[in-house]
Amino acid sequence: VQLVESGGGLVQPGGSLRLSCAASGFTFSRYAMSWYRQAPGKERELVAAITSTGGSTNYTDSVKGRFTISRDNAKHTVYLQMNNLKPDDTAVYYCYRFRNWGQGTQVIVSS
């Protein structure tokens, strides 16, 4: 199993980023996928999750209305569209599939 995140970077408050997680080594369409994040000095937290078909999603309260998780099963990729970013969104973002983590991608929201 391999999960490779990309799309992180430095963005100003109010800006947007789109994270991608390219998956391989398993039947992608059979698994729910999630995004987690870990800010400095804090525990890793669930940000968003999506079912295997993409028919259902859920979000932590702090990102509802700003972040959107989606997936393309044909491309074996899960996305996290992040809009109206805030400094509190600064963290390393991780892609997760049951028992497997990506290496993370850094997101820094700062002026």
C-alpha atoms as a PDB file:
ATOM      1  CA  VAL A   1       0.000   0.000   0.000  1.00  0.00           C
ATOM      2  CA  GLN A   2       1.301   3.435  -0.924  1.00  0.00           C
ATOM      3  CA  LEU A   3      -0.320   6.793  -0.294  1.00  0.00           C
ATOM      4  CA  VAL A   4       1.422   9.858  -1.695  1.00  0.00           C
ATOM      5  CA  GLU A   5       0.155  13.311  -0.795  1.00  0.00           C
ATOM      6  CA  SER A   6       0.855  16.479  -2.744  1.00  0.00           C
ATOM      7  CA  GLY A   7      -0.420  20.027  -3.054  1.00  0.00           C
ATOM      8  CA  GLY A   8       0.642  21.546   0.233  1.00  0.00           C
ATOM      9  CA  GLY A   9       2.415  24.848   0.543  1.00  0.00           C
ATOM     10  CA  LEU A  10       2.337  28.371   1.902  1.00  0.00           C
ATOM     11  CA  VAL A  11      -0.858  30.338   1.417  1.00  0.00           C
ATOM     12  CA  GLN A  12      -2.245  33.586   2.774  1.00  0.00           C
ATOM     13  CA  PRO A  13      -5.318  33.617   5.016  1.00  0.00           C
ATOM     14  CA  GLY A  14      -8.434  33.409   2.892  1.00  0.00           C
ATOM     15  CA  GLY A  15      -6.611  31.514   0.182  1.00  0.00           C
ATOM     16  CA  SER A  16      -7.181  28.039  -1.208  1.00  0.00           C
ATOM     17  CA  LEU A  17      -5.236  24.847  -1.727  1.00  0.00           C
ATOM     18  CA  ARG A  18      -6.109  21.490  -3.200  1.00  0.00           C
ATOM     19  CA  LEU A  19      -4.438  18.451  -1.711  1.00  0.00           C
ATOM     20  CA  SER A  20      -4.192  15.187  -3.610  1.00  0.00           C
ATOM     21  CA  CYS A  21      -3.464  11.681  -2.419  1.00  0.00           C
ATOM     22  CA  ALA A  22      -2.436   9.162  -5.042  1.00  0.00           C
ATOM     23  CA  ALA A  23      -3.062   5.599  -3.895  1.00  0.00           C
ATOM     24  CA  SER A  24      -1.586   2.356  -5.126  1.00  0.00           C
ATOM     25  CA  GLY A  25      -1.122  -1.241  -4.075  1.00  0.00           C
ATOM     26  CA  PHE A  26      -4.723  -1.977  -3.212  1.00  0.00           C
ATOM     27  CA  THR A  27      -8.211  -1.904  -4.700  1.00  0.00           C
ATOM     28  CA  PHE A  28      -8.863   1.785  -4.140  1.00  0.00           C
ATOM     29  CA  SER A  29     -12.576   1.702  -4.900  1.00  0.00           C
ATOM     30  CA  ARG A  30     -13.226  -0.688  -2.010  1.00  0.00           C
ATOM     31  CA  TYR A  31     -11.940   1.556   0.760  1.00  0.00           C
ATOM     32  CA  ALA A  32     -13.126   4.598   2.588  1.00  0.00           C
ATOM     33  CA  MET A  33     -10.465   7.288   2.681  1.00  0.00           C
ATOM     34  CA  SER A  34      -9.725  10.101   5.087  1.00  0.00           C
ATOM     35  CA  TRP A  35      -7.632  13.198   5.587  1.00  0.00           C
ATOM     36  CA  TYR A  36      -6.072  13.901   8.953  1.00  0.00           C
ATOM     37  CA  ARG A  37      -3.920  16.770  10.105  1.00  0.00           C
ATOM     38  CA  GLN A  38      -1.442  17.398  12.870  1.00  0.00           C
ATOM     39  CA  ALA A  39      -0.509  20.868  13.983  1.00  0.00           C
ATOM     40  CA  PRO A  40       2.671  21.550  15.971  1.00  0.00           C
ATOM     41  CA  GLY A  41       2.241  20.443  19.560  1.00  0.00           C
ATOM     42  CA  LYS A  42      -1.186  18.962  18.927  1.00  0.00           C
ATOM     43  CA  GLU A  43      -2.592  15.505  18.395  1.00  0.00           C
ATOM     44  CA  ARG A  44      -3.442  14.250  14.948  1.00  0.00           C
ATOM     45  CA  GLU A  45      -7.102  14.887  14.162  1.00  0.00           C
ATOM     46  CA  LEU A  46      -9.556  13.673  11.561  1.00  0.00           C
ATOM     47  CA  VAL A  47     -10.402  16.418   9.076  1.00  0.00           C
ATOM     48  CA  ALA A  48     -12.638  14.702   6.531  1.00  0.00           C
ATOM     49  CA  ALA A  49     -13.662  11.254   5.374  1.00  0.00           C
ATOM     50  CA  ILE A  50     -15.339   9.807   2.322  1.00  0.00           C
ATOM     51  CA  THR A  51     -16.923   6.420   1.697  1.00  0.00           C
ATOM     52  CA  SER A  52     -15.627   4.019  -0.922  1.00  0.00           C
ATOM     53  CA  THR A  53     -18.140   5.168  -3.534  1.00  0.00           C
ATOM     54  CA  GLY A  54     -17.938   8.821  -2.607  1.00  0.00           C
ATOM     55  CA  GLY A  55     -21.593   8.830  -1.721  1.00  0.00           C
ATOM     56  CA  SER A  56     -21.118  10.052   1.813  1.00  0.00           C
ATOM     57  CA  THR A  57     -18.696  12.457   3.453  1.00  0.00           C
ATOM     58  CA  ASN A  58     -18.159  13.899   6.875  1.00  0.00           C
ATOM     59  CA  TYR A  59     -16.072  16.714   8.297  1.00  0.00           C
ATOM     60  CA  THR A  60     -14.786  17.987  11.568  1.00  0.00           C
ATOM     61  CA  ASP A  61     -16.769  21.022  12.659  1.00  0.00           C
ATOM     62  CA  SER A  62     -13.938  23.496  12.223  1.00  0.00           C
ATOM     63  CA  VAL A  63     -13.699  22.900   8.451  1.00  0.00           C
ATOM     64  CA  LYS A  64     -17.374  22.446   7.542  1.00  0.00           C
ATOM     65  CA  GLY A  65     -18.352  24.772   4.717  1.00  0.00           C
ATOM     66  CA  ARG A  66     -14.702  25.460   3.817  1.00  0.00           C
ATOM     67  CA  PHE A  67     -13.204  22.067   2.939  1.00  0.00           C
ATOM     68  CA  THR A  68     -14.483  19.477   0.487  1.00  0.00           C
ATOM     69  CA  ILE A  69     -13.276  15.890   0.237  1.00  0.00           C
ATOM     70  CA  SER A  70     -13.765  14.032  -3.025  1.00  0.00           C
ATOM     71  CA  ARG A  71     -12.361  11.066  -4.868  1.00  0.00           C
ATOM     72  CA  ASP A  72     -11.809   9.771  -8.366  1.00  0.00           C
ATOM     73  CA  ASN A  73     -11.817   5.999  -8.244  1.00  0.00           C
ATOM     74  CA  ALA A  74     -10.659   5.752 -11.851  1.00  0.00           C
ATOM     75  CA  LYS A  75      -7.546   7.749 -10.957  1.00  0.00           C
ATOM     76  CA  HIS A  76      -7.062   6.133  -7.528  1.00  0.00           C
ATOM     77  CA  THR A  77      -6.918   9.579  -5.999  1.00  0.00           C
ATOM     78  CA  VAL A  78      -8.600  11.357  -3.120  1.00  0.00           C
ATOM     79  CA  TYR A  79      -8.671  15.146  -2.881  1.00  0.00           C
ATOM     80  CA  LEU A  80      -9.132  17.784  -0.240  1.00  0.00           C
ATOM     81  CA  GLN A  81     -10.203  21.181  -1.541  1.00  0.00           C
ATOM     82  CA  MET A  82      -9.496  23.765   1.131  1.00  0.00           C
ATOM     83  CA  ASN A  83     -11.009  27.231   0.790  1.00  0.00           C
ATOM     84  CA  ASN A  84     -10.971  30.285   3.039  1.00  0.00           C
ATOM     85  CA  LEU A  85      -7.928  28.953   4.825  1.00  0.00           C
ATOM     86  CA  LYS A  86      -7.146  30.218   8.301  1.00  0.00           C
ATOM     87  CA  PRO A  87      -3.898  30.256  10.293  1.00  0.00           C
ATOM     88  CA  ASP A  88      -5.377  27.525  12.522  1.00  0.00           C
ATOM     89  CA  ASP A  89      -5.420  25.239   9.471  1.00  0.00           C
ATOM     90  CA  THR A  90      -1.627  25.189   9.511  1.00  0.00           C
ATOM     91  CA  ALA A  91      -0.584  21.560   9.912  1.00  0.00           C
ATOM     92  CA  VAL A  92       0.841  18.531   8.215  1.00  0.00           C
ATOM     93  CA  TYR A  93      -1.997  16.869   6.321  1.00  0.00           C
ATOM     94  CA  TYR A  94      -2.054  13.098   6.004  1.00  0.00           C
ATOM     95  CA  CYS A  95      -3.968  10.760   3.764  1.00  0.00           C
ATOM     96  CA  TYR A  96      -5.269   7.642   5.528  1.00  0.00           C
ATOM     97  CA  ARG A  97      -6.645   4.295   4.532  1.00  0.00           C
ATOM     98  CA  PHE A  98      -7.368   1.643   7.133  1.00  0.00           C
ATOM     99  CA  ARG A  99      -4.035   1.010   8.885  1.00  0.00           C
ATOM    100  CA  ASN A 100      -2.024   2.939   6.309  1.00  0.00           C
ATOM    101  CA  TRP A 101      -0.746   6.519   6.314  1.00  0.00           C
ATOM    102  CA  GLY A 102       0.855   8.708   3.719  1.00  0.00           C
ATOM    103  CA  GLN A 103       3.985  10.702   4.457  1.00  0.00           C
ATOM    104  CA  GLY A 104       2.119  13.974   4.835  1.00  0.00           C
ATOM    105  CA  THR A 105       2.155  17.334   3.107  1.00  0.00           C
ATOM    106  CA  GLN A 106       2.765  20.612   4.920  1.00  0.00           C
ATOM    107  CA  VAL A 107       0.203  23.389   4.790  1.00  0.00           C
ATOM    108  CA  ILE A 108       1.151  26.790   6.187  1.00  0.00           C
ATOM    109  CA  VAL A 109      -1.402  29.573   6.334  1.00  0.00           C
ATOM    110  CA  SER A 110       0.301  32.856   7.059  1.00  0.00           C
ATOM    111  CA  SER A 111       0.464  36.432   5.846  1.00  0.00           C
END
